[in-house]
Amino acid sequence: MKLVLIADFRHQVIRANTIVEADDLTWEEKYDLIFSDELSGKCFDIAKKLDDKIDYYDPDTTYEKDVMAFVEAIRDYDTKYQRLSKYME
């Protein structure tokens, strides 16, 4: 079960990376897409199911800084989950 959750988390990180790298979206649009139930909501839910909590500093200054703070945090959590998944069944 945990491996499935980790794979789903990775999928959300890939989606977030795609959004951040999109040239045809404004930072406000990126913000709305990232901080939606379908993306950040899923990340928070998955972390909770993994008995974890996404903790990050929200600068609350610009759309770009808010988005990047969250995306960098979930990238770090993804790295952690990928490392741990090597030892799970």
C-alpha atoms as a PDB file:
ATOM      1  CA  MET A   1       0.000   0.000   0.000  1.00  0.00           C
ATOM      2  CA  LYS A   2       2.746   2.458   0.909  1.00  0.00           C
ATOM      3  CA  LEU A   3       4.529   1.870  -2.396  1.00  0.00           C
ATOM      4  CA  VAL A   4       1.330   2.766  -4.255  1.00  0.00           C
ATOM      5  CA  LEU A   5       1.028   5.961  -2.218  1.00  0.00           C
ATOM      6  CA  ILE A   6       4.662   6.849  -2.900  1.00  0.00           C
ATOM      7  CA  ALA A   7       4.121   6.297  -6.629  1.00  0.00           C
ATOM      8  CA  ASP A   8       1.043   8.541  -6.520  1.00  0.00           C
ATOM      9  CA  PHE A   9       3.026  11.203  -4.645  1.00  0.00           C
ATOM     10  CA  ARG A  10       5.724  11.061  -7.320  1.00  0.00           C
ATOM     11  CA  HIS A  11       3.020  11.535  -9.961  1.00  0.00           C
ATOM     12  CA  GLN A  12       1.845  14.712  -8.206  1.00  0.00           C
ATOM     13  CA  VAL A  13       5.433  16.016  -8.077  1.00  0.00           C
ATOM     14  CA  ILE A  14       5.812  15.382 -11.808  1.00  0.00           C
ATOM     15  CA  ARG A  15       2.557  17.264 -12.427  1.00  0.00           C
ATOM     16  CA  ALA A  16       3.803  20.155 -10.268  1.00  0.00           C
ATOM     17  CA  ASN A  17       7.104  20.256 -12.149  1.00  0.00           C
ATOM     18  CA  THR A  18       5.258  20.365 -15.466  1.00  0.00           C
ATOM     19  CA  ILE A  19       3.125  23.266 -14.259  1.00  0.00           C
ATOM     20  CA  VAL A  20       6.115  25.212 -12.892  1.00  0.00           C
ATOM     21  CA  GLU A  21       8.029  24.773 -16.158  1.00  0.00           C
ATOM     22  CA  ALA A  22       5.078  25.813 -18.371  1.00  0.00           C
ATOM     23  CA  ASP A  23       5.836  28.934 -20.373  1.00  0.00           C
ATOM     24  CA  ASP A  24       2.216  29.530 -21.305  1.00  0.00           C
ATOM     25  CA  LEU A  25       0.954  29.953 -17.719  1.00  0.00           C
ATOM     26  CA  THR A  26       1.189  33.001 -15.482  1.00  0.00           C
ATOM     27  CA  TRP A  27       2.397  32.568 -11.920  1.00  0.00           C
ATOM     28  CA  GLU A  28      -1.147  33.224 -10.734  1.00  0.00           C
ATOM     29  CA  GLU A  29      -2.414  30.369 -12.918  1.00  0.00           C
ATOM     30  CA  LYS A  30       0.403  28.137 -11.687  1.00  0.00           C
ATOM     31  CA  TYR A  31      -0.534  29.043  -8.113  1.00  0.00           C
ATOM     32  CA  ASP A  32      -4.180  28.120  -8.706  1.00  0.00           C
ATOM     33  CA  LEU A  33      -3.216  24.789 -10.286  1.00  0.00           C
ATOM     34  CA  ILE A  34      -0.645  23.872  -7.647  1.00  0.00           C
ATOM     35  CA  PHE A  35      -2.784  24.868  -4.662  1.00  0.00           C
ATOM     36  CA  SER A  36      -5.817  22.890  -5.758  1.00  0.00           C
ATOM     37  CA  ASP A  37      -7.474  19.856  -4.225  1.00  0.00           C
ATOM     38  CA  GLU A  38      -6.245  17.869  -7.201  1.00  0.00           C
ATOM     39  CA  LEU A  39      -2.553  18.581  -6.567  1.00  0.00           C
ATOM     40  CA  SER A  40      -1.514  20.035  -3.213  1.00  0.00           C
ATOM     41  CA  GLY A  41      -4.586  18.500  -1.599  1.00  0.00           C
ATOM     42  CA  LYS A  42      -3.545  15.067  -2.836  1.00  0.00           C
ATOM     43  CA  CYS A  43       0.030  15.615  -1.655  1.00  0.00           C
ATOM     44  CA  PHE A  44      -1.150  16.479   1.852  1.00  0.00           C
ATOM     45  CA  ASP A  45      -3.533  13.490   1.889  1.00  0.00           C
ATOM     46  CA  ILE A  46      -0.862  11.063   0.706  1.00  0.00           C
ATOM     47  CA  ALA A  47       1.649  12.333   3.260  1.00  0.00           C
ATOM     48  CA  LYS A  48      -0.948  11.859   6.004  1.00  0.00           C
ATOM     49  CA  LYS A  49      -1.602   8.281   4.861  1.00  0.00           C
ATOM     50  CA  LEU A  50       2.153   7.715   5.043  1.00  0.00           C
ATOM     51  CA  ASP A  51       2.079   8.977   8.640  1.00  0.00           C
ATOM     52  CA  ASP A  52       3.926  12.100   7.588  1.00  0.00           C
ATOM     53  CA  LYS A  53       3.154  15.790   7.260  1.00  0.00           C
ATOM     54  CA  ILE A  54       4.331  18.184   4.572  1.00  0.00           C
ATOM     55  CA  ASP A  55       6.004  21.004   6.396  1.00  0.00           C
ATOM     56  CA  TYR A  56       7.346  23.965   4.457  1.00  0.00           C
ATOM     57  CA  TYR A  57       7.888  27.683   4.823  1.00  0.00           C
ATOM     58  CA  ASP A  58       5.261  29.674   2.937  1.00  0.00           C
ATOM     59  CA  PRO A  59       6.796  33.089   2.208  1.00  0.00           C
ATOM     60  CA  ASP A  60       3.308  34.453   1.366  1.00  0.00           C
ATOM     61  CA  THR A  61       4.790  37.191  -0.796  1.00  0.00           C
ATOM     62  CA  THR A  62       4.320  36.493  -4.502  1.00  0.00           C
ATOM     63  CA  TYR A  63       2.613  33.748  -6.482  1.00  0.00           C
ATOM     64  CA  GLU A  64       5.996  32.626  -7.785  1.00  0.00           C
ATOM     65  CA  LYS A  65       7.656  32.407  -4.364  1.00  0.00           C
ATOM     66  CA  ASP A  66       4.650  30.630  -2.835  1.00  0.00           C
ATOM     67  CA  VAL A  67       4.535  28.094  -5.671  1.00  0.00           C
ATOM     68  CA  MET A  68       8.269  27.478  -5.624  1.00  0.00           C
ATOM     69  CA  ALA A  69       8.362  27.041  -1.842  1.00  0.00           C
ATOM     70  CA  PHE A  70       5.715  24.335  -2.024  1.00  0.00           C
ATOM     71  CA  VAL A  71       7.139  22.617  -5.096  1.00  0.00           C
ATOM     72  CA  GLU A  72      10.643  22.546  -3.631  1.00  0.00           C
ATOM     73  CA  ALA A  73       9.215  21.037  -0.454  1.00  0.00           C
ATOM     74  CA  ILE A  74       7.336  18.259  -2.252  1.00  0.00           C
ATOM     75  CA  ARG A  75      10.446  17.542  -4.319  1.00  0.00           C
ATOM     76  CA  ASP A  76      12.330  17.021  -1.056  1.00  0.00           C
ATOM     77  CA  TYR A  77       9.583  14.755   0.283  1.00  0.00           C
ATOM     78  CA  ASP A  78       9.608  12.811  -2.986  1.00  0.00           C
ATOM     79  CA  THR A  79      13.356  12.268  -2.641  1.00  0.00           C
ATOM     80  CA  LYS A  80      12.822  11.038   0.912  1.00  0.00           C
ATOM     81  CA  TYR A  81       9.973   8.709  -0.096  1.00  0.00           C
ATOM     82  CA  GLN A  82      11.947   7.307  -3.053  1.00  0.00           C
ATOM     83  CA  ARG A  83      14.902   6.595  -0.761  1.00  0.00           C
ATOM     84  CA  LEU A  84      12.705   4.862   1.822  1.00  0.00           C
ATOM     85  CA  SER A  85      10.750   2.904  -0.803  1.00  0.00           C
ATOM     86  CA  LYS A  86      13.843   0.848  -1.617  1.00  0.00           C
ATOM     87  CA  TYR A  87      13.428  -0.812   1.775  1.00  0.00           C
ATOM     88  CA  MET A  88       9.670  -1.383   1.669  1.00  0.00           C
ATOM     89  CA  GLU A  89       7.655  -4.279   0.375  1.00  0.00           C
END
